[in-house]
PDB file of all heavy atoms in Angstrom:
ATOM      1  N   PRO A   1    -145.633 -27.832-200.962  1.00  0.00           N
ATOM      2  CA  PRO A   1    -146.639 -27.028-201.651  1.00  0.00           C
ATOM      3  C   PRO A   1    -148.055 -27.510-201.321  1.00  0.00           C
ATOM      4  O   PRO A   1    -148.255 -28.676-200.994  1.00  0.00           O
ATOM      5  CB  PRO A   1    -146.316 -27.256-203.133  1.00  0.00           C
ATOM      6  CG  PRO A   1    -145.634 -28.578-203.172  1.00  0.00           C
ATOM      7  CD  PRO A   1    -144.889 -28.694-201.876  1.00  0.00           C
ATOM      8  N   PRO A   2    -149.022 -26.608-201.390  1.00  0.00           N
ATOM      9  CA  PRO A   2    -150.394 -27.008-201.075  1.00  0.00           C
ATOM     10  C   PRO A   2    -150.929 -28.080-202.034  1.00  0.00           C
ATOM     11  O   PRO A   2    -151.842 -28.811-201.689  1.00  0.00           O
ATOM     12  CB  PRO A   2    -151.205 -25.718-201.205  1.00  0.00           C
ATOM     13  CG  PRO A   2    -150.266 -24.650-201.596  1.00  0.00           C
ATOM     14  CD  PRO A   2    -148.894 -25.208-201.691  1.00  0.00           C
ATOM     15  N   CYS A   3    -150.337 -28.208-203.208  1.00  0.00           N
ATOM     16  CA  CYS A   3    -150.789 -29.198-204.186  1.00  0.00           C
ATOM     17  C   CYS A   3    -149.956 -30.475-204.121  1.00  0.00           C
ATOM     18  O   CYS A   3    -149.890 -31.237-205.089  1.00  0.00           O
ATOM     19  CB  CYS A   3    -150.742 -28.612-205.593  1.00  0.00           C
ATOM     20  SG  CYS A   3    -149.090 -28.050-206.092  1.00  0.00           S
ATOM     21  N   TRP A   4    -149.330 -30.764-202.977  1.00  0.00           N
ATOM     22  CA  TRP A   4    -148.436 -31.911-202.824  1.00  0.00           C
ATOM     23  C   TRP A   4    -149.065 -33.210-203.293  1.00  0.00           C
ATOM     24  O   TRP A   4    -148.392 -34.064-203.855  1.00  0.00           O
ATOM     25  CB  TRP A   4    -147.963 -32.038-201.372  1.00  0.00           C
ATOM     26  CG  TRP A   4    -149.069 -32.272-200.392  1.00  0.00           C
ATOM     27  CD1 TRP A   4    -149.739 -31.319-199.674  1.00  0.00           C
ATOM     28  CD2 TRP A   4    -149.654 -33.517-200.026  1.00  0.00           C
ATOM     29  NE1 TRP A   4    -150.707 -31.894-198.890  1.00  0.00           N
ATOM     30  CE2 TRP A   4    -150.672 -33.247-199.094  1.00  0.00           C
ATOM     31  CE3 TRP A   4    -149.429 -34.845-200.395  1.00  0.00           C
ATOM     32  CZ2 TRP A   4    -151.457 -34.245-198.527  1.00  0.00           C
ATOM     33  CZ3 TRP A   4    -150.208 -35.834-199.833  1.00  0.00           C
ATOM     34  CH2 TRP A   4    -151.204 -35.529-198.902  1.00  0.00           C
ATOM     35  N   TYR A   5    -150.368 -33.372-203.047  1.00  0.00           N
ATOM     36  CA  TYR A   5    -151.063 -34.616-203.369  1.00  0.00           C
ATOM     37  C   TYR A   5    -151.183 -34.866-204.869  1.00  0.00           C
ATOM     38  O   TYR A   5    -151.501 -35.970-205.291  1.00  0.00           O
ATOM     39  CB  TYR A   5    -152.457 -34.632-202.725  1.00  0.00           C
ATOM     40  CG  TYR A   5    -153.264 -33.397-203.074  1.00  0.00           C
ATOM     41  CD1 TYR A   5    -154.032 -33.342-204.224  1.00  0.00           C
ATOM     42  CD2 TYR A   5    -153.223 -32.282-202.242  1.00  0.00           C
ATOM     43  CE1 TYR A   5    -154.750 -32.205-204.549  1.00  0.00           C
ATOM     44  CE2 TYR A   5    -153.937 -31.145-202.548  1.00  0.00           C
ATOM     45  CZ  TYR A   5    -154.694 -31.111-203.710  1.00  0.00           C
ATOM     46  OH  TYR A   5    -155.398 -29.979-204.037  1.00  0.00           O
ATOM     47  N   ARG A   6    -150.900 -33.858-205.677  1.00  0.00           N
ATOM     48  CA  ARG A   6    -150.954 -33.999-207.137  1.00  0.00           C
ATOM     49  C   ARG A   6    -149.611 -34.432-207.731  1.00  0.00           C
ATOM     50  O   ARG A   6    -149.499 -34.576-208.932  1.00  0.00           O
ATOM     51  CB  ARG A   6    -151.377 -32.683-207.774  1.00  0.00           C
ATOM     52  CG  ARG A   6    -152.800 -32.285-207.450  1.00  0.00           C
ATOM     53  CD  ARG A   6    -153.115 -30.967-208.139  1.00  0.00           C
ATOM     54  NE  ARG A   6    -154.473 -30.567-207.925  1.00  0.00           N
ATOM     55  CZ  ARG A   6    -155.483 -30.832-208.759  1.00  0.00           C
ATOM     56  NH1 ARG A   6    -155.259 -31.503-209.856  1.00  0.00           N
ATOM     57  NH2 ARG A   6    -156.688 -30.410-208.489  1.00  0.00           N
ATOM     58  N   HIS A   7    -148.615 -34.617-206.887  1.00  0.00           N
ATOM     59  CA  HIS A   7    -147.269 -34.950-207.345  1.00  0.00           C
ATOM     60  C   HIS A   7    -146.846 -36.294-206.751  1.00  0.00           C
ATOM     61  O   HIS A   7    -146.429 -36.351-205.584  1.00  0.00           O
ATOM     62  CB  HIS A   7    -146.289 -33.839-206.944  1.00  0.00           C
ATOM     63  CG  HIS A   7    -146.652 -32.518-207.542  1.00  0.00           C
ATOM     64  ND1 HIS A   7    -146.269 -32.150-208.800  1.00  0.00           N
ATOM     65  CD2 HIS A   7    -147.405 -31.495-207.047  1.00  0.00           C
ATOM     66  CE1 HIS A   7    -146.733 -30.941-209.065  1.00  0.00           C
ATOM     67  NE2 HIS A   7    -147.438 -30.525-208.019  1.00  0.00           N
ATOM     68  N   PRO A   8    -146.938 -37.375-207.520  1.00  0.00           N
ATOM     69  CA  PRO A   8    -146.628 -38.714-206.987  1.00  0.00           C
ATOM     70  C   PRO A   8    -145.281 -38.836-206.270  1.00  0.00           C
ATOM     71  O   PRO A   8    -145.230 -39.474-205.215  1.00  0.00           O
ATOM     72  CB  PRO A   8    -146.711 -39.626-208.220  1.00  0.00           C
ATOM     73  CG  PRO A   8    -147.704 -38.926-209.112  1.00  0.00           C
ATOM     74  CD  PRO A   8    -147.441 -37.454-208.900  1.00  0.00           C
ATOM     75  N   PRO A   9    -144.187 -38.231-206.755  1.00  0.00           N
ATOM     76  CA  PRO A   9    -142.936 -38.375-205.987  1.00  0.00           C
ATOM     77  C   PRO A   9    -143.028 -37.745-204.597  1.00  0.00           C
ATOM     78  O   PRO A   9    -142.501 -38.293-203.623  1.00  0.00           O
ATOM     79  CB  PRO A   9    -141.887 -37.653-206.842  1.00  0.00           C
ATOM     80  CG  PRO A   9    -142.456 -37.623-208.217  1.00  0.00           C
ATOM     81  CD  PRO A   9    -143.948 -37.555-208.028  1.00  0.00           C
ATOM     82  N   VAL A  10    -143.710 -36.609-204.483  1.00  0.00           N
ATOM     83  CA  VAL A  10    -143.870 -35.955-203.177  1.00  0.00           C
ATOM     84  C   VAL A  10    -144.758 -36.814-202.286  1.00  0.00           C
ATOM     85  O   VAL A  10    -144.482 -36.985-201.094  1.00  0.00           O
ATOM     86  CB  VAL A  10    -144.419 -34.522-203.336  1.00  0.00           C
ATOM     87  CG1 VAL A  10    -144.702 -33.888-201.984  1.00  0.00           C
ATOM     88  CG2 VAL A  10    -143.442 -33.670-204.136  1.00  0.00           C
ATOM     89  N   VAL A  11    -145.813 -37.384-202.860  1.00  0.00           N
ATOM     90  CA  VAL A  11    -146.697 -38.266-202.087  1.00  0.00           C
ATOM     91  C   VAL A  11    -145.899 -39.447-201.541  1.00  0.00           C
ATOM     92  O   VAL A  11    -146.045 -39.819-200.375  1.00  0.00           O
ATOM     93  CB  VAL A  11    -147.896 -38.752-202.942  1.00  0.00           C
ATOM     94  CG1 VAL A  11    -148.683 -39.850-202.230  1.00  0.00           C
ATOM     95  CG2 VAL A  11    -148.811 -37.583-203.283  1.00  0.00           C
ATOM     96  N   GLU A  12    -145.037 -40.036-202.361  1.00  0.00           N
ATOM     97  CA  GLU A  12    -144.233 -41.177-201.906  1.00  0.00           C
ATOM     98  C   GLU A  12    -143.294 -40.775-200.771  1.00  0.00           C
ATOM     99  O   GLU A  12    -143.145 -41.509-199.795  1.00  0.00           O
ATOM    100  CB  GLU A  12    -143.438 -41.775-203.063  1.00  0.00           C
ATOM    101  CG  GLU A  12    -144.298 -42.493-204.091  1.00  0.00           C
ATOM    102  CD  GLU A  12    -145.014 -43.738-203.555  1.00  0.00           C
ATOM    103  OE1 GLU A  12    -144.547 -44.336-202.552  1.00  0.00           O
ATOM    104  OE2 GLU A  12    -146.035 -44.109-204.134  1.00  0.00           O
ATOM    105  N   HIS A  13    -142.653 -39.616-200.894  1.00  0.00           N
ATOM    106  CA  HIS A  13    -141.754 -39.165-199.823  1.00  0.00           C
ATOM    107  C   HIS A  13    -142.529 -38.893-198.534  1.00  0.00           C
ATOM    108  O   HIS A  13    -142.093 -39.274-197.442  1.00  0.00           O
ATOM    109  CB  HIS A  13    -140.988 -37.912-200.259  1.00  0.00           C
ATOM    110  CG  HIS A  13    -139.867 -38.213-201.196  1.00  0.00           C
ATOM    111  ND1 HIS A  13    -140.018 -38.191-202.563  1.00  0.00           N
ATOM    112  CD2 HIS A  13    -138.584 -38.548-200.967  1.00  0.00           C
ATOM    113  CE1 HIS A  13    -138.862 -38.503-203.129  1.00  0.00           C
ATOM    114  NE2 HIS A  13    -137.974 -38.718-202.183  1.00  0.00           N
ATOM    115  N   LEU A  14    -143.662 -38.231-198.652  1.00  0.00           N
ATOM    116  CA  LEU A  14    -144.468 -37.952-197.469  1.00  0.00           C
ATOM    117  C   LEU A  14    -145.008 -39.245-196.859  1.00  0.00           C
ATOM    118  O   LEU A  14    -145.103 -39.373-195.629  1.00  0.00           O
ATOM    119  CB  LEU A  14    -145.614 -36.992-197.813  1.00  0.00           C
ATOM    120  CG  LEU A  14    -145.165 -35.555-198.071  1.00  0.00           C
ATOM    121  CD1 LEU A  14    -146.293 -34.745-198.697  1.00  0.00           C
ATOM    122  CD2 LEU A  14    -144.670 -34.899-196.786  1.00  0.00           C
ATOM    123  N   THR A  15    -145.339 -40.205-197.701  1.00  0.00           N
ATOM    124  CA  THR A  15    -145.802 -41.502-197.209  1.00  0.00           C
ATOM    125  C   THR A  15    -144.710 -42.175-196.393  1.00  0.00           C
ATOM    126  O   THR A  15    -144.965 -42.709-195.310  1.00  0.00           O
ATOM    127  CB  THR A  15    -146.220 -42.403-198.391  1.00  0.00           C
ATOM    128  OG1 THR A  15    -147.276 -41.769-199.109  1.00  0.00           O
ATOM    129  CG2 THR A  15    -146.688 -43.765-197.919  1.00  0.00           C
ATOM    130  N   ALA A  16    -143.483 -42.157-196.898  1.00  0.00           N
ATOM    131  CA  ALA A  16    -142.369 -42.755-196.164  1.00  0.00           C
ATOM    132  C   ALA A  16    -142.157 -42.040-194.830  1.00  0.00           C
ATOM    133  O   ALA A  16    -141.933 -42.688-193.795  1.00  0.00           O
ATOM    134  CB  ALA A  16    -141.099 -42.702-197.013  1.00  0.00           C
ATOM    135  N   LEU A  17    -142.234 -40.720-194.846  1.00  0.00           N
ATOM    136  CA  LEU A  17    -142.078 -39.962-193.601  1.00  0.00           C
ATOM    137  C   LEU A  17    -143.190 -40.299-192.612  1.00  0.00           C
ATOM    138  O   LEU A  17    -142.941 -40.453-191.416  1.00  0.00           O
ATOM    139  CB  LEU A  17    -142.068 -38.457-193.893  1.00  0.00           C
ATOM    140  CG  LEU A  17    -140.777 -37.920-194.484  1.00  0.00           C
ATOM    141  CD1 LEU A  17    -140.986 -36.498-195.002  1.00  0.00           C
ATOM    142  CD2 LEU A  17    -139.656 -37.961-193.457  1.00  0.00           C
ATOM    143  N   TYR A  18    -144.417 -40.412-193.107  1.00  0.00           N
ATOM    144  CA  TYR A  18    -145.556 -40.716-192.243  1.00  0.00           C
ATOM    145  C   TYR A  18    -145.426 -42.114-191.639  1.00  0.00           C
ATOM    146  O   TYR A  18    -145.599 -42.295-190.430  1.00  0.00           O
ATOM    147  CB  TYR A  18    -146.855 -40.585-193.026  1.00  0.00           C
ATOM    148  CG  TYR A  18    -148.103 -40.889-192.229  1.00  0.00           C
ATOM    149  CD1 TYR A  18    -148.332 -40.277-190.996  1.00  0.00           C
ATOM    150  CD2 TYR A  18    -149.058 -41.782-192.696  1.00  0.00           C
ATOM    151  CE1 TYR A  18    -149.477 -40.542-190.276  1.00  0.00           C
ATOM    152  CE2 TYR A  18    -150.201 -42.047-191.987  1.00  0.00           C
ATOM    153  CZ  TYR A  18    -150.413 -41.436-190.769  1.00  0.00           C
ATOM    154  OH  TYR A  18    -151.546 -41.700-190.042  1.00  0.00           O
ATOM    155  N   ALA A  19    -145.080 -43.097-192.465  1.00  0.00           N
ATOM    156  CA  ALA A  19    -144.928 -44.464-191.954  1.00  0.00           C
ATOM    157  C   ALA A  19    -143.818 -44.507-190.896  1.00  0.00           C
ATOM    158  O   ALA A  19    -143.969 -45.159-189.858  1.00  0.00           O
ATOM    159  CB  ALA A  19    -144.638 -45.425-193.099  1.00  0.00           C
ATOM    160  N   GLY A  20    -142.717 -43.809-191.146  1.00  0.00           N
ATOM    161  CA  GLY A  20    -141.641 -43.747-190.167  1.00  0.00           C
ATOM    162  C   GLY A  20    -142.061 -43.027-188.899  1.00  0.00           C
ATOM    163  O   GLY A  20    -141.685 -43.405-187.787  1.00  0.00           O
ATOM    164  N   TRP A  21    -142.850 -41.969-189.060  1.00  0.00           N
ATOM    165  CA  TRP A  21    -143.333 -41.209-187.906  1.00  0.00           C
ATOM    166  C   TRP A  21    -144.220 -42.089-187.033  1.00  0.00           C
ATOM    167  O   TRP A  21    -144.097 -42.093-185.808  1.00  0.00           O
ATOM    168  CB  TRP A  21    -144.095 -39.975-188.389  1.00  0.00           C
ATOM    169  CG  TRP A  21    -144.574 -39.097-187.286  1.00  0.00           C
ATOM    170  CD1 TRP A  21    -143.870 -38.108-186.655  1.00  0.00           C
ATOM    171  CD2 TRP A  21    -145.871 -39.110-186.679  1.00  0.00           C
ATOM    172  NE1 TRP A  21    -144.650 -37.511-185.691  1.00  0.00           N
ATOM    173  CE2 TRP A  21    -145.879 -38.113-185.691  1.00  0.00           C
ATOM    174  CE3 TRP A  21    -147.006 -39.867-186.878  1.00  0.00           C
ATOM    175  CZ2 TRP A  21    -146.994 -37.866-184.902  1.00  0.00           C
ATOM    176  CZ3 TRP A  21    -148.118 -39.617-186.092  1.00  0.00           C
ATOM    177  CH2 TRP A  21    -148.097 -38.625-185.116  1.00  0.00           C
ATOM    178  N   ILE A  22    -145.094 -42.873-187.666  1.00  0.00           N
ATOM    179  CA  ILE A  22    -145.981 -43.756-186.898  1.00  0.00           C
ATOM    180  C   ILE A  22    -145.154 -44.788-186.130  1.00  0.00           C
ATOM    181  O   ILE A  22    -145.391 -45.024-184.950  1.00  0.00           O
ATOM    182  CB  ILE A  22    -147.003 -44.446-187.826  1.00  0.00           C
ATOM    183  CG1 ILE A  22    -148.024 -43.423-188.271  1.00  0.00           C
ATOM    184  CG2 ILE A  22    -147.672 -45.623-187.140  1.00  0.00           C
ATOM    185  CD1 ILE A  22    -149.154 -43.940-189.085  1.00  0.00           C
ATOM    186  N   ARG A  23    -144.182 -45.409-186.795  1.00  0.00           N
ATOM    187  CA  ARG A  23    -143.346 -46.394-186.105  1.00  0.00           C
ATOM    188  C   ARG A  23    -142.577 -45.745-184.957  1.00  0.00           C
ATOM    189  O   ARG A  23    -142.384 -46.344-183.915  1.00  0.00           O
ATOM    190  CB  ARG A  23    -142.371 -47.050-187.082  1.00  0.00           C
ATOM    191  CG  ARG A  23    -143.008 -48.144-187.923  1.00  0.00           C
ATOM    192  CD  ARG A  23    -141.975 -48.941-188.684  1.00  0.00           C
ATOM    193  NE  ARG A  23    -141.214 -48.157-189.628  1.00  0.00           N
ATOM    194  CZ  ARG A  23    -141.597 -47.885-190.874  1.00  0.00           C
ATOM    195  NH1 ARG A  23    -142.753 -48.332-191.314  1.00  0.00           N
ATOM    196  NH2 ARG A  23    -140.843 -47.171-191.672  1.00  0.00           N
ATOM    197  N   THR A  24    -142.140 -44.507-185.155  1.00  0.00           N
ATOM    198  CA  THR A  24    -141.344 -43.823-184.138  1.00  0.00           C
ATOM    199  C   THR A  24    -142.186 -43.349-182.969  1.00  0.00           C
ATOM    200  O   THR A  24    -141.835 -43.557-181.810  1.00  0.00           O
ATOM    201  CB  THR A  24    -140.613 -42.615-184.760  1.00  0.00           C
ATOM    202  OG1 THR A  24    -139.766 -43.098-185.805  1.00  0.00           O
ATOM    203  CG2 THR A  24    -139.787 -41.874-183.730  1.00  0.00           C
ATOM    204  N   TYR A  25    -143.304 -42.712-183.249  1.00  0.00           N
ATOM    205  CA  TYR A  25    -144.080 -42.080-182.189  1.00  0.00           C
ATOM    206  C   TYR A  25    -145.243 -42.919-181.675  1.00  0.00           C
ATOM    207  O   TYR A  25    -145.707 -42.698-180.562  1.00  0.00           O
ATOM    208  CB  TYR A  25    -144.603 -40.722-182.664  1.00  0.00           C
ATOM    209  CG  TYR A  25    -143.507 -39.698-182.771  1.00  0.00           C
ATOM    210  CD1 TYR A  25    -142.840 -39.484-183.969  1.00  0.00           C
ATOM    211  CD2 TYR A  25    -143.126 -38.953-181.666  1.00  0.00           C
ATOM    212  CE1 TYR A  25    -141.822 -38.545-184.070  1.00  0.00           C
ATOM    213  CE2 TYR A  25    -142.111 -38.012-181.748  1.00  0.00           C
ATOM    214  CZ  TYR A  25    -141.464 -37.816-182.954  1.00  0.00           C
ATOM    215  OH  TYR A  25    -140.455 -36.891-183.042  1.00  0.00           O
ATOM    216  N   ALA A  26    -145.737 -43.863-182.461  1.00  0.00           N
ATOM    217  CA  ALA A  26    -146.869 -44.662-182.014  1.00  0.00           C
ATOM    218  C   ALA A  26    -146.501 -46.125-181.847  1.00  0.00           C
ATOM    219  O   ALA A  26    -147.305 -46.901-181.366  1.00  0.00           O
ATOM    220  CB  ALA A  26    -148.031 -44.531-183.009  1.00  0.00           C
ATOM    221  N   GLY A  27    -145.296 -46.506-182.233  1.00  0.00           N
ATOM    222  CA  GLY A  27    -144.866 -47.896-182.116  1.00  0.00           C
ATOM    223  C   GLY A  27    -144.293 -48.176-180.744  1.00  0.00           C
ATOM    224  O   GLY A  27    -144.227 -47.317-179.874  1.00  0.00           O
ATOM    225  N   GLU A  28    -143.879 -49.423-180.578  1.00  0.00           N
ATOM    226  CA  GLU A  28    -143.274 -49.831-179.317  1.00  0.00           C
ATOM    227  C   GLU A  28    -141.865 -49.269-179.214  1.00  0.00           C
ATOM    228  O   GLU A  28    -141.189 -49.083-180.212  1.00  0.00           O
ATOM    229  CB  GLU A  28    -143.208 -51.358-179.246  1.00  0.00           C
ATOM    230  CG  GLU A  28    -144.570 -52.013-179.175  1.00  0.00           C
ATOM    231  CD  GLU A  28    -144.460 -53.527-179.102  1.00  0.00           C
ATOM    232  OE1 GLU A  28    -143.381 -54.035-178.727  1.00  0.00           O
ATOM    233  OE2 GLU A  28    -145.455 -54.177-179.412  1.00  0.00           O
ATOM    234  N   GLN A  29    -141.437 -49.028-177.994  1.00  0.00           N
ATOM    235  CA  GLN A  29    -140.060 -48.595-177.762  1.00  0.00           C
ATOM    236  C   GLN A  29    -139.132 -49.754-178.083  1.00  0.00           C
ATOM    237  O   GLN A  29    -139.359 -50.877-177.635  1.00  0.00           O
ATOM    238  CB  GLN A  29    -139.870 -48.155-176.311  1.00  0.00           C
ATOM    239  CG  GLN A  29    -140.648 -46.904-175.949  1.00  0.00           C
ATOM    240  CD  GLN A  29    -140.131 -45.683-176.706  1.00  0.00           C
ATOM    241  OE1 GLN A  29    -138.944 -45.561-176.955  1.00  0.00           O
ATOM    242  NE2 GLN A  29    -141.024 -44.800-177.080  1.00  0.00           N
ATOM    243  N   VAL A  30    -138.119 -49.491-178.853  1.00  0.00           N
ATOM    244  CA  VAL A  30    -137.163 -50.521-179.246  1.00  0.00           C
ATOM    245  C   VAL A  30    -135.843 -50.238-178.543  1.00  0.00           C
ATOM    246  O   VAL A  30    -135.314 -49.132-178.655  1.00  0.00           O
ATOM    247  CB  VAL A  30    -136.969 -50.519-180.782  1.00  0.00           C
ATOM    248  CG1 VAL A  30    -135.944 -51.547-181.195  1.00  0.00           C
ATOM    249  CG2 VAL A  30    -138.303 -50.751-181.487  1.00  0.00           C
ATOM    250  N   PRO A  31    -135.319 -51.226-177.820  1.00  0.00           N
ATOM    251  CA  PRO A  31    -134.029 -51.008-177.160  1.00  0.00           C
ATOM    252  C   PRO A  31    -132.964 -50.634-178.199  1.00  0.00           C
ATOM    253  O   PRO A  31    -132.934 -51.173-179.294  1.00  0.00           O
ATOM    254  CB  PRO A  31    -133.713 -52.362-176.522  1.00  0.00           C
ATOM    255  CG  PRO A  31    -135.024 -53.078-176.432  1.00  0.00           C
ATOM    256  CD  PRO A  31    -135.858 -52.562-177.565  1.00  0.00           C
ATOM    257  N   GLY A  32    -132.117 -49.688-177.823  1.00  0.00           N
ATOM    258  CA  GLY A  32    -131.079 -49.239-178.733  1.00  0.00           C
ATOM    259  C   GLY A  32    -131.535 -48.135-179.665  1.00  0.00           C
ATOM    260  O   GLY A  32    -130.765 -47.651-180.476  1.00  0.00           O
ATOM    261  N   ARG A  33    -132.792 -47.744-179.555  1.00  0.00           N
ATOM    262  CA  ARG A  33    -133.323 -46.681-180.406  1.00  0.00           C
ATOM    263  C   ARG A  33    -133.780 -45.512-179.533  1.00  0.00           C
ATOM    264  O   ARG A  33    -134.850 -44.950-179.733  1.00  0.00           O
ATOM    265  CB  ARG A  33    -134.496 -47.199-181.241  1.00  0.00           C
ATOM    266  CG  ARG A  33    -134.155 -48.275-182.242  1.00  0.00           C
ATOM    267  CD  ARG A  33    -133.665 -47.749-183.556  1.00  0.00           C
ATOM    268  NE  ARG A  33    -134.709 -46.936-184.154  1.00  0.00           N
ATOM    269  CZ  ARG A  33    -134.471 -45.864-184.872  1.00  0.00           C
ATOM    270  NH1 ARG A  33    -133.259 -45.474-185.106  1.00  0.00           N
ATOM    271  NH2 ARG A  33    -135.455 -45.163-185.382  1.00  0.00           N
ATOM    272  N   GLU A  34    -132.942 -45.140-178.579  1.00  0.00           N
ATOM    273  CA  GLU A  34    -133.293 -44.072-177.653  1.00  0.00           C
ATOM    274  C   GLU A  34    -133.426 -42.729-178.353  1.00  0.00           C
ATOM    275  O   GLU A  34    -134.097 -41.837-177.857  1.00  0.00           O
ATOM    276  CB  GLU A  34    -132.262 -43.977-176.520  1.00  0.00           C
ATOM    277  CG  GLU A  34    -132.334 -45.115-175.525  1.00  0.00           C
ATOM    278  CD  GLU A  34    -131.710 -46.420-176.024  1.00  0.00           C
ATOM    279  OE1 GLU A  34    -130.911 -46.383-176.992  1.00  0.00           O
ATOM    280  OE2 GLU A  34    -132.044 -47.476-175.473  1.00  0.00           O
ATOM    281  N   LEU A  35    -132.794 -42.570-179.477  1.00  0.00           N
ATOM    282  CA  LEU A  35    -132.866 -41.304-180.222  1.00  0.00           C
ATOM    283  C   LEU A  35    -133.748 -41.417-181.456  1.00  0.00           C
ATOM    284  O   LEU A  35    -133.570 -40.686-182.430  1.00  0.00           O
ATOM    285  CB  LEU A  35    -131.457 -40.855-180.618  1.00  0.00           C
ATOM    286  CG  LEU A  35    -130.546 -40.499-179.448  1.00  0.00           C
ATOM    287  CD1 LEU A  35    -129.142 -40.201-179.938  1.00  0.00           C
ATOM    288  CD2 LEU A  35    -131.103 -39.313-178.687  1.00  0.00           C
ATOM    289  N   ALA A  36    -134.713 -42.325-181.427  1.00  0.00           N
ATOM    290  CA  ALA A  36    -135.568 -42.550-182.600  1.00  0.00           C
ATOM    291  C   ALA A  36    -136.272 -41.270-183.043  1.00  0.00           C
ATOM    292  O   ALA A  36    -136.359 -40.988-184.238  1.00  0.00           O
ATOM    293  CB  ALA A  36    -136.585 -43.649-182.309  1.00  0.00           C
ATOM    294  N   GLU A  37    -136.758 -40.497-182.080  1.00  0.00           N
ATOM    295  CA  GLU A  37    -137.467 -39.267-182.441  1.00  0.00           C
ATOM    296  C   GLU A  37    -136.515 -38.273-183.106  1.00  0.00           C
ATOM    297  O   GLU A  37    -136.861 -37.651-184.112  1.00  0.00           O
ATOM    298  CB  GLU A  37    -138.118 -38.637-181.202  1.00  0.00           C
ATOM    299  CG  GLU A  37    -139.239 -39.476-180.620  1.00  0.00           C
ATOM    300  CD  GLU A  37    -138.763 -40.600-179.695  1.00  0.00           C
ATOM    301  OE1 GLU A  37    -137.555 -40.775-179.498  1.00  0.00           O
ATOM    302  OE2 GLU A  37    -139.626 -41.314-179.175  1.00  0.00           O
ATOM    303  N   ALA A  38    -135.330 -38.126-182.545  1.00  0.00           N
ATOM    304  CA  ALA A  38    -134.338 -37.221-183.150  1.00  0.00           C
ATOM    305  C   ALA A  38    -133.923 -37.724-184.528  1.00  0.00           C
ATOM    306  O   ALA A  38    -133.746 -36.930-185.461  1.00  0.00           O
ATOM    307  CB  ALA A  38    -133.121 -37.091-182.243  1.00  0.00           C
ATOM    308  N   ASP A  39    -133.790 -39.044-184.670  1.00  0.00           N
ATOM    309  CA  ASP A  39    -133.456 -39.615-185.981  1.00  0.00           C
ATOM    310  C   ASP A  39    -134.551 -39.308-186.999  1.00  0.00           C
ATOM    311  O   ASP A  39    -134.277 -38.991-188.151  1.00  0.00           O
ATOM    312  CB  ASP A  39    -133.249 -41.129-185.887  1.00  0.00           C
ATOM    313  CG  ASP A  39    -131.976 -41.509-185.156  1.00  0.00           C
ATOM    314  OD1 ASP A  39    -131.078 -40.635-185.021  1.00  0.00           O
ATOM    315  OD2 ASP A  39    -131.875 -42.669-184.714  1.00  0.00           O
ATOM    316  N   TRP A  40    -135.815 -39.416-186.556  1.00  0.00           N
ATOM    317  CA  TRP A  40    -136.913 -39.135-187.472  1.00  0.00           C
ATOM    318  C   TRP A  40    -136.881 -37.659-187.906  1.00  0.00           C
ATOM    319  O   TRP A  40    -137.068 -37.351-189.082  1.00  0.00           O
ATOM    320  CB  TRP A  40    -138.277 -39.470-186.843  1.00  0.00           C
ATOM    321  CG  TRP A  40    -139.358 -39.246-187.847  1.00  0.00           C
ATOM    322  CD1 TRP A  40    -139.814 -40.132-188.776  1.00  0.00           C
ATOM    323  CD2 TRP A  40    -140.077 -38.026-188.080  1.00  0.00           C
ATOM    324  NE1 TRP A  40    -140.759 -39.535-189.575  1.00  0.00           N
ATOM    325  CE2 TRP A  40    -140.939 -38.242-189.165  1.00  0.00           C
ATOM    326  CE3 TRP A  40    -140.060 -36.764-187.490  1.00  0.00           C
ATOM    327  CZ2 TRP A  40    -141.792 -37.264-189.656  1.00  0.00           C
ATOM    328  CZ3 TRP A  40    -140.902 -35.787-187.987  1.00  0.00           C
ATOM    329  CH2 TRP A  40    -141.758 -36.036-189.058  1.00  0.00           C
ATOM    330  N   ILE A  41    -136.619 -36.762-186.967  1.00  0.00           N
ATOM    331  CA  ILE A  41    -136.554 -35.342-187.309  1.00  0.00           C
ATOM    332  C   ILE A  41    -135.402 -35.082-188.275  1.00  0.00           C
ATOM    333  O   ILE A  41    -135.540 -34.315-189.232  1.00  0.00           O
ATOM    334  CB  ILE A  41    -136.463 -34.473-186.032  1.00  0.00           C
ATOM    335  CG1 ILE A  41    -137.801 -34.546-185.284  1.00  0.00           C
ATOM    336  CG2 ILE A  41    -136.101 -33.030-186.372  1.00  0.00           C
ATOM    337  CD1 ILE A  41    -137.790 -33.933-183.905  1.00  0.00           C
ATOM    338  N   ASN A  42    -134.271 -35.737-188.074  1.00  0.00           N
ATOM    339  CA  ASN A  42    -133.161 -35.609-189.028  1.00  0.00           C
ATOM    340  C   ASN A  42    -133.561 -36.112-190.410  1.00  0.00           C
ATOM    341  O   ASN A  42    -133.210 -35.517-191.427  1.00  0.00           O
ATOM    342  CB  ASN A  42    -131.925 -36.368-188.533  1.00  0.00           C
ATOM    343  CG  ASN A  42    -131.204 -35.622-187.434  1.00  0.00           C
ATOM    344  OD1 ASN A  42    -131.271 -34.397-187.351  1.00  0.00           O
ATOM    345  ND2 ASN A  42    -130.533 -36.363-186.581  1.00  0.00           N
ATOM    346  N   THR A  43    -134.308 -37.202-190.444  1.00  0.00           N
ATOM    347  CA  THR A  43    -134.788 -37.737-191.721  1.00  0.00           C
ATOM    348  C   THR A  43    -135.737 -36.740-192.383  1.00  0.00           C
ATOM    349  O   THR A  43    -135.654 -36.512-193.590  1.00  0.00           O
ATOM    350  CB  THR A  43    -135.483 -39.091-191.508  1.00  0.00           C
ATOM    351  OG1 THR A  43    -134.549 -39.998-190.917  1.00  0.00           O
ATOM    352  CG2 THR A  43    -136.003 -39.661-192.810  1.00  0.00           C
ATOM    353  N   LEU A  44    -136.610 -36.130-191.598  1.00  0.00           N
ATOM    354  CA  LEU A  44    -137.521 -35.117-192.141  1.00  0.00           C
ATOM    355  C   LEU A  44    -136.731 -34.008-192.815  1.00  0.00           C
ATOM    356  O   LEU A  44    -137.021 -33.615-193.951  1.00  0.00           O
ATOM    357  CB  LEU A  44    -138.401 -34.534-191.032  1.00  0.00           C
ATOM    358  CG  LEU A  44    -139.198 -33.283-191.398  1.00  0.00           C
ATOM    359  CD1 LEU A  44    -140.226 -33.586-192.470  1.00  0.00           C
ATOM    360  CD2 LEU A  44    -139.849 -32.689-190.162  1.00  0.00           C
TER     361      LEU A  44
END
């Protein structure tokens, strides 16, 4: 919803998704995590 920022549980979930997205897309490649991007999309 456009008012997501007014709902602490939604903010926490989006925060977790964002932190995971940064580790997946902006972090270092980790051996054994060849499907990290697909895993992140599944988590989304």
